[in-house]
């Protein structure tokens, strides 16, 4: 029997989102033959403890998979720490993995798509990951393209798969190295091709001296090393976490209006080898080149972006005191 890649689902305190994520995964034929790891990080705020306990009680009841392996540390490890712990555990037994956050809803053929992609592209040096989500979902796609894939350098954590030997090459990115790259015109030009928001997002990380979370590290690595993610023209996942309840996202009506029933309309897919003519950054570019991000770039050009970040932080502190 074919061995399917293990699935890692990461969750903090969103029980209802997790339930929806798990139920959608169970709708994939491959679920019953897939090992499921569920990483439940400990509370970093005392008031979250009750929610965390409810999440962990639910994890113990999950069925429908080949095996369910809970990862429940007693101390909070944060996103990077929890991810690294889970990946280290998975790679002791497996050479591939599928990543999901608790707010990702999978189409019935998602596991089929990423598992076949892992086999098809395992020896392709240009491919770092297989993405389930595609920003093409917000655009009209030609009928003849709907079953095809394209390649983009925009990393997307909304349901992806990768290989042990490839993903472990992505090392921690220091703020010093990032600062150097953000002064490199060639790097900035490549970054801008997948959305003008990334440059100022990286600048904000430098200003706040924050450690870089996964998607920042991976997109930097892909751009710098000319690597790509395989993406379906017909999306195989969708994120329901843009409802304002997530720890890193605000409410976004573009996402909350999406009809999840669309995911059930399975469109057969066709995988094809890497080719430069199949590189398509247009969907990412159009979705992320908003008026707000354009304003940030203008402010950066005239030297006011960092001052804007300073005022924003002062405003947050003032609100927290009220």
Protein backbone atom coordinates (compact mmCIF):
# COMPACT_ATOMS: atom_id res chain seq x y z
CA UNK A 1 0.00 0.00 0.00
CA UNK A 2 1.26 3.48 -0.86
CA UNK A 3 2.53 5.48 2.12
CA UNK A 4 1.02 8.94 2.35
CA UNK A 5 2.82 11.94 3.84
CA UNK A 6 2.06 12.68 7.51
CA UNK A 7 -0.12 15.69 8.23
CA UNK A 8 0.81 18.33 10.81
CA UNK A 9 -1.98 20.57 12.11
CA UNK A 10 -0.95 23.41 14.43
CA UNK A 11 -3.46 24.97 16.82
CA UNK A 12 -3.50 27.40 19.71
CA UNK A 13 -6.91 28.23 21.19
CA UNK A 14 -9.43 28.11 18.33
CA UNK A 15 -11.42 24.96 19.01
CA UNK A 16 -14.20 25.53 16.48
CA UNK A 17 -11.74 26.30 13.68
CA UNK A 18 -9.79 23.16 14.51
CA UNK A 19 -12.94 21.03 14.37
CA UNK A 20 -13.76 22.39 10.90
CA UNK A 21 -10.19 21.82 9.73
CA UNK A 22 -10.16 18.20 10.93
CA UNK A 23 -13.59 17.39 9.50
CA UNK A 24 -12.56 18.76 6.10
CA UNK A 25 -9.37 16.67 6.14
CA UNK A 26 -11.41 13.58 6.98
CA UNK A 27 -13.33 14.23 3.76
CA UNK A 28 -10.20 13.35 1.79
CA UNK A 29 -9.95 9.68 0.76
CA UNK A 30 -6.31 9.54 1.85
CA UNK A 31 -7.03 10.64 5.45
CA UNK A 32 -7.68 7.13 6.75
CA UNK A 33 -4.19 6.07 5.58
CA UNK A 34 -2.41 9.22 6.81
CA UNK A 35 -0.75 9.81 10.17
CA UNK A 36 -2.02 13.02 11.80
CA UNK A 37 0.16 15.04 14.17
CA UNK A 38 -1.65 17.79 16.09
CA UNK A 39 0.55 20.40 17.76
CA UNK A 40 -1.25 22.20 20.61
CA UNK A 41 0.96 24.89 22.11
CA UNK A 42 0.60 25.74 25.79
CA UNK A 43 -0.95 29.04 26.89
CA UNK A 44 1.23 32.14 26.83
CA UNK A 45 -1.48 34.06 28.71
CA UNK A 46 -3.14 32.65 31.82
CA UNK A 47 -6.59 33.61 30.53
CA UNK A 48 -6.11 31.27 27.55
CA UNK A 49 -5.59 28.16 29.68
CA UNK A 50 -9.25 27.07 29.67
CA UNK A 51 -9.46 27.32 25.89
CA UNK A 52 -6.23 25.36 25.48
CA UNK A 53 -7.57 22.62 27.73
CA UNK A 54 -10.75 22.37 25.64
CA UNK A 55 -8.66 22.10 22.47
CA UNK A 56 -6.56 19.32 23.99
CA UNK A 57 -9.60 17.39 25.15
CA UNK A 58 -10.96 17.48 21.59
CA UNK A 59 -7.64 16.32 20.12
CA UNK A 60 -7.89 13.16 22.22
CA UNK A 61 -11.20 12.33 20.48
CA UNK A 62 -10.03 12.72 16.87
CA UNK A 63 -10.48 9.62 14.71
CA UNK A 64 -10.63 8.80 11.01
CA UNK A 65 -6.86 8.81 10.43
CA UNK A 66 -4.30 6.00 10.37
CA UNK A 67 -2.93 7.30 13.66
CA UNK A 68 -3.30 10.50 15.68
CA UNK A 69 -0.21 11.79 17.52
CA UNK A 70 -0.84 14.75 19.87
CA UNK A 71 2.04 17.12 20.64
CA UNK A 72 1.19 18.96 23.87
CA UNK A 73 4.09 20.74 25.60
CA UNK A 74 3.63 21.99 29.13
CA UNK A 75 5.25 25.35 28.35
CA UNK A 76 4.47 27.81 25.57
CA UNK A 77 6.95 27.54 22.71
CA UNK A 78 5.59 30.16 20.33
CA UNK A 79 4.98 29.60 16.62
CA UNK A 80 8.59 28.94 15.61
CA UNK A 81 9.35 26.77 18.64
CA UNK A 82 6.18 24.68 18.31
CA UNK A 83 6.75 24.22 14.58
CA UNK A 84 10.39 23.20 14.99
CA UNK A 85 9.51 20.71 17.74
CA UNK A 86 6.80 19.10 15.60
CA UNK A 87 8.97 18.97 12.48
CA UNK A 88 11.85 17.37 14.38
CA UNK A 89 9.48 14.70 15.67
CA UNK A 90 7.99 14.03 12.22
CA UNK A 91 11.38 13.82 10.51
CA UNK A 92 12.47 11.04 12.86
CA UNK A 93 10.00 8.80 11.02
CA UNK A 94 9.21 10.49 7.70
CA UNK A 95 10.92 12.23 4.76
CA UNK A 96 7.92 14.39 3.77
CA UNK A 97 5.15 16.28 5.55
CA UNK A 98 1.96 18.23 4.98
CA UNK A 99 1.40 21.38 7.01
CA UNK A 100 -1.95 22.84 8.06
CA UNK A 101 -2.95 25.53 10.50
CA UNK A 102 -6.20 25.11 12.45
CA UNK A 103 -8.04 27.62 10.24
CA UNK A 104 -7.38 25.90 6.91
CA UNK A 105 -10.24 24.08 5.17
CA UNK A 106 -9.21 21.43 2.64
CA UNK A 107 -10.97 20.40 -0.54
CA UNK A 108 -11.74 16.65 -0.88
CA UNK A 109 -8.79 16.22 -3.29
CA UNK A 110 -6.26 18.29 -1.30
CA UNK A 111 -4.37 15.30 0.12
CA UNK A 112 -4.35 13.63 -3.29
CA UNK A 113 -2.93 16.80 -4.87
CA UNK A 114 -0.10 17.33 -2.39
CA UNK A 115 0.81 13.64 -2.10
CA UNK A 116 1.07 13.25 -5.85
CA UNK A 117 2.98 16.54 -5.99
CA UNK A 118 5.49 15.31 -3.42
CA UNK A 119 6.23 12.30 -5.60
CA UNK A 120 6.21 14.18 -8.91
CA UNK A 121 8.55 17.02 -7.83
CA UNK A 122 10.80 15.25 -5.32
CA UNK A 123 13.81 15.46 -7.64
CA UNK A 124 13.03 18.90 -9.07
CA UNK A 125 15.67 21.25 -7.66
CA UNK A 126 13.54 24.32 -8.45
CA UNK A 127 10.57 23.27 -6.30
CA UNK A 128 10.58 23.85 -2.53
CA UNK A 129 6.93 23.17 -1.75
CA UNK A 130 3.48 22.20 -2.97
CA UNK A 131 0.81 24.75 -2.05
CA UNK A 132 -2.85 23.92 -1.60
CA UNK A 133 -4.03 27.53 -1.69
CA UNK A 134 -4.04 29.77 -4.74
CA UNK A 135 -4.88 33.48 -4.88
CA UNK A 136 -6.36 32.71 -8.29
CA UNK A 137 -9.54 31.93 -6.35
CA UNK A 138 -10.32 35.68 -6.43
CA UNK A 139 -10.04 35.92 -10.21
CA UNK A 140 -11.68 34.47 -13.29
CA UNK A 141 -9.47 31.64 -14.54
CA UNK A 142 -9.70 30.38 -18.10
CA UNK A 143 -11.48 27.03 -18.26
CA UNK A 144 -8.51 25.36 -19.96
CA UNK A 145 -6.22 26.46 -17.12
CA UNK A 146 -8.39 25.30 -14.23
CA UNK A 147 -6.83 21.83 -14.12
CA UNK A 148 -3.25 23.12 -14.50
CA UNK A 149 -0.59 24.30 -12.04
CA UNK A 150 1.74 27.30 -12.01
CA UNK A 151 4.91 28.24 -10.15
CA UNK A 152 5.34 31.21 -7.85
CA UNK A 153 7.96 32.47 -5.38
CA UNK A 154 5.33 33.68 -2.95
CA UNK A 155 5.31 31.34 0.03
CA UNK A 156 1.88 30.38 1.31
CA UNK A 157 1.40 28.53 4.63
CA UNK A 158 -2.30 27.85 4.01
CA UNK A 159 -1.85 24.12 3.50
CA UNK A 160 1.45 23.08 1.95
CA UNK A 161 3.70 20.04 1.61
CA UNK A 162 7.47 19.68 1.40
CA UNK A 163 10.40 17.33 1.80
CA UNK A 164 12.78 16.83 4.72
CA UNK A 165 15.93 17.27 2.64
CA UNK A 166 14.68 20.49 1.06
CA UNK A 167 13.00 22.21 4.00
CA UNK A 168 15.91 21.64 6.39
CA UNK A 169 18.10 23.72 4.10
CA UNK A 170 16.08 26.79 5.14
CA UNK A 171 18.08 28.12 8.08
CA UNK A 172 17.18 30.83 10.57
CA UNK A 173 17.46 34.29 9.03
CA UNK A 174 19.24 36.90 11.11
CA UNK A 175 18.07 40.50 11.11
CA UNK A 176 21.58 41.52 10.02
CA UNK A 177 21.37 39.36 6.90
CA UNK A 178 17.86 40.61 6.18
CA UNK A 179 18.98 44.23 6.49
CA UNK A 180 21.77 43.58 4.02
CA UNK A 181 19.39 42.01 1.50
CA UNK A 182 16.91 44.88 1.80
CA UNK A 183 19.69 47.17 0.58
CA UNK A 184 20.28 44.95 -2.45
CA UNK A 185 18.44 46.29 -5.51
CA UNK A 186 18.37 42.92 -7.25
CA UNK A 187 16.79 41.24 -4.23
CA UNK A 188 14.22 44.04 -3.83
CA UNK A 189 13.30 43.84 -7.51
CA UNK A 190 12.67 40.09 -7.20
CA UNK A 191 10.68 40.63 -4.00
CA UNK A 192 8.48 43.28 -5.62
CA UNK A 193 7.48 40.89 -8.41
CA UNK A 194 5.44 38.88 -5.91
CA UNK A 195 3.93 41.87 -4.09
CA UNK A 196 5.11 45.28 -2.93
CA UNK A 197 3.90 44.50 0.61
CA UNK A 198 6.83 42.22 1.42
CA UNK A 199 9.53 44.89 1.42
CA UNK A 200 7.79 47.03 4.03
CA UNK A 201 6.70 43.93 5.98
CA UNK A 202 10.35 42.96 6.28
CA UNK A 203 11.23 46.55 7.20
CA UNK A 204 8.73 46.40 10.05
CA UNK A 205 10.38 43.25 11.37
CA UNK A 206 13.69 45.07 11.36
CA UNK A 207 12.20 48.05 13.18
CA UNK A 208 10.62 45.90 15.89
CA UNK A 209 13.64 43.54 16.00
CA UNK A 210 11.26 40.59 15.92
CA UNK A 211 12.29 37.03 15.09
CA UNK A 212 11.13 36.06 11.63
CA UNK A 213 8.24 33.59 11.56
CA UNK A 214 8.01 30.79 9.05
CA UNK A 215 6.44 32.49 6.05
CA UNK A 216 8.96 35.35 6.19
CA UNK A 217 11.91 32.95 6.35
CA UNK A 218 10.62 30.77 3.55
CA UNK A 219 9.73 33.53 1.10
CA UNK A 220 13.14 35.16 1.69
CA UNK A 221 14.86 31.84 1.02
CA UNK A 222 12.84 31.22 -2.15
CA UNK A 223 13.49 34.65 -3.62
CA UNK A 224 17.18 34.61 -2.77
CA UNK A 225 17.72 31.12 -4.18
CA UNK A 226 15.31 31.32 -7.14
CA UNK A 227 13.05 28.55 -5.85
CA UNK A 228 9.32 28.04 -6.37
CA UNK A 229 6.15 26.57 -4.95
CA UNK A 230 3.77 24.53 -7.08
CA UNK A 231 0.29 26.07 -7.02
CA UNK A 232 -2.99 24.84 -8.54
CA UNK A 233 -5.09 27.22 -10.61
CA UNK A 234 -8.08 25.72 -8.79
CA UNK A 235 -7.44 26.18 -5.08
CA UNK A 236 -7.43 23.10 -2.87
CA UNK A 237 -7.63 24.96 0.46
CA UNK A 238 -9.07 28.12 1.96
CA UNK A 239 -8.33 30.11 5.11
CA UNK A 240 -11.27 30.84 7.45
CA UNK A 241 -9.07 32.63 9.97
CA UNK A 242 -9.51 36.09 8.48
CA UNK A 243 -12.54 36.70 10.69
CA UNK A 244 -10.60 38.75 13.25
CA UNK A 245 -10.08 35.90 15.72
CA UNK A 246 -6.57 34.97 14.60
CA UNK A 247 -3.44 36.05 16.45
CA UNK A 248 -1.84 37.67 13.40
CA UNK A 249 -4.74 38.65 11.14
CA UNK A 250 -7.50 41.23 11.10
CA UNK A 251 -10.98 40.72 9.71
CA UNK A 252 -10.93 40.70 5.92
CA UNK A 253 -14.26 40.64 4.13
CA UNK A 254 -12.70 39.39 0.89
CA UNK A 255 -12.09 36.12 2.70
CA UNK A 256 -15.16 36.00 4.94
CA UNK A 257 -17.43 36.32 1.87
CA UNK A 258 -15.98 33.22 0.24
CA UNK A 259 -18.40 30.30 -0.16
CA UNK A 260 -16.62 27.20 1.16
CA UNK A 261 -18.99 24.99 -0.84
CA UNK A 262 -16.88 25.92 -3.88
CA UNK A 263 -14.11 23.68 -2.52
CA UNK A 264 -16.35 20.65 -2.99
CA UNK A 265 -16.46 21.19 -6.77
CA UNK A 266 -13.49 18.98 -7.60
CA UNK A 267 -11.56 19.90 -10.72
CA UNK A 268 -9.12 17.18 -11.84
CA UNK A 269 -5.54 18.44 -11.80
CA UNK A 270 -2.56 17.89 -14.09
CA UNK A 271 0.99 18.16 -12.74
CA UNK A 272 3.76 19.33 -15.04
CA UNK A 273 7.48 19.91 -14.69
CA UNK A 274 9.05 23.27 -13.91
CA UNK A 275 9.27 25.63 -16.88
CA UNK A 276 9.93 29.37 -16.91
CA UNK A 277 6.83 30.02 -19.00
CA UNK A 278 4.72 28.52 -16.20
CA UNK A 279 5.94 31.04 -13.61
CA UNK A 280 2.96 33.19 -12.64
CA UNK A 281 3.22 35.79 -9.88
CA UNK A 282 0.30 37.86 -11.12
CA UNK A 283 -2.32 36.65 -8.61
CA UNK A 284 -0.05 37.32 -5.63
CA UNK A 285 1.03 40.64 -7.09
CA UNK A 286 -2.52 41.88 -7.66
CA UNK A 287 -3.84 40.68 -4.29
CA UNK A 288 -1.07 42.32 -2.28
CA UNK A 289 -0.54 45.59 -4.14
CA UNK A 290 -3.22 47.40 -2.18
CA UNK A 291 -3.49 51.16 -1.68
CA UNK A 292 -2.26 50.76 1.89
CA UNK A 293 0.85 48.90 0.76
CA UNK A 294 1.49 51.47 -1.96
CA UNK A 295 1.27 54.22 0.66
CA UNK A 296 3.80 52.38 2.84
CA UNK A 297 6.24 52.23 -0.04
CA UNK A 298 5.85 55.95 -0.63
CA UNK A 299 6.43 56.66 3.05
CA UNK A 300 9.52 54.46 2.96
CA UNK A 301 10.87 56.32 -0.07
CA UNK A 302 10.59 59.69 1.66
CA UNK A 303 11.94 58.33 4.93
CA UNK A 304 8.73 58.40 6.99
CA UNK A 305 7.88 54.69 7.24
CA UNK A 306 9.86 54.04 10.40
CA UNK A 307 8.32 57.13 12.01
CA UNK A 308 4.89 55.75 11.10
CA UNK A 309 5.75 52.48 12.84
CA UNK A 310 6.86 54.46 15.89
CA UNK A 311 3.53 56.32 16.06
CA UNK A 312 1.62 53.06 15.57
CA UNK A 313 3.40 51.44 18.53
CA UNK A 314 2.73 54.50 20.70
CA UNK A 315 -0.95 54.35 19.75
CA UNK A 316 -1.15 50.64 20.69
CA UNK A 317 0.41 51.32 24.11
CA UNK A 318 -1.99 54.22 24.71
CA UNK A 319 -5.00 52.04 23.87
CA UNK A 320 -3.81 49.25 26.17
CA UNK A 321 -3.74 51.67 29.13
CA UNK A 322 -7.35 52.74 28.66
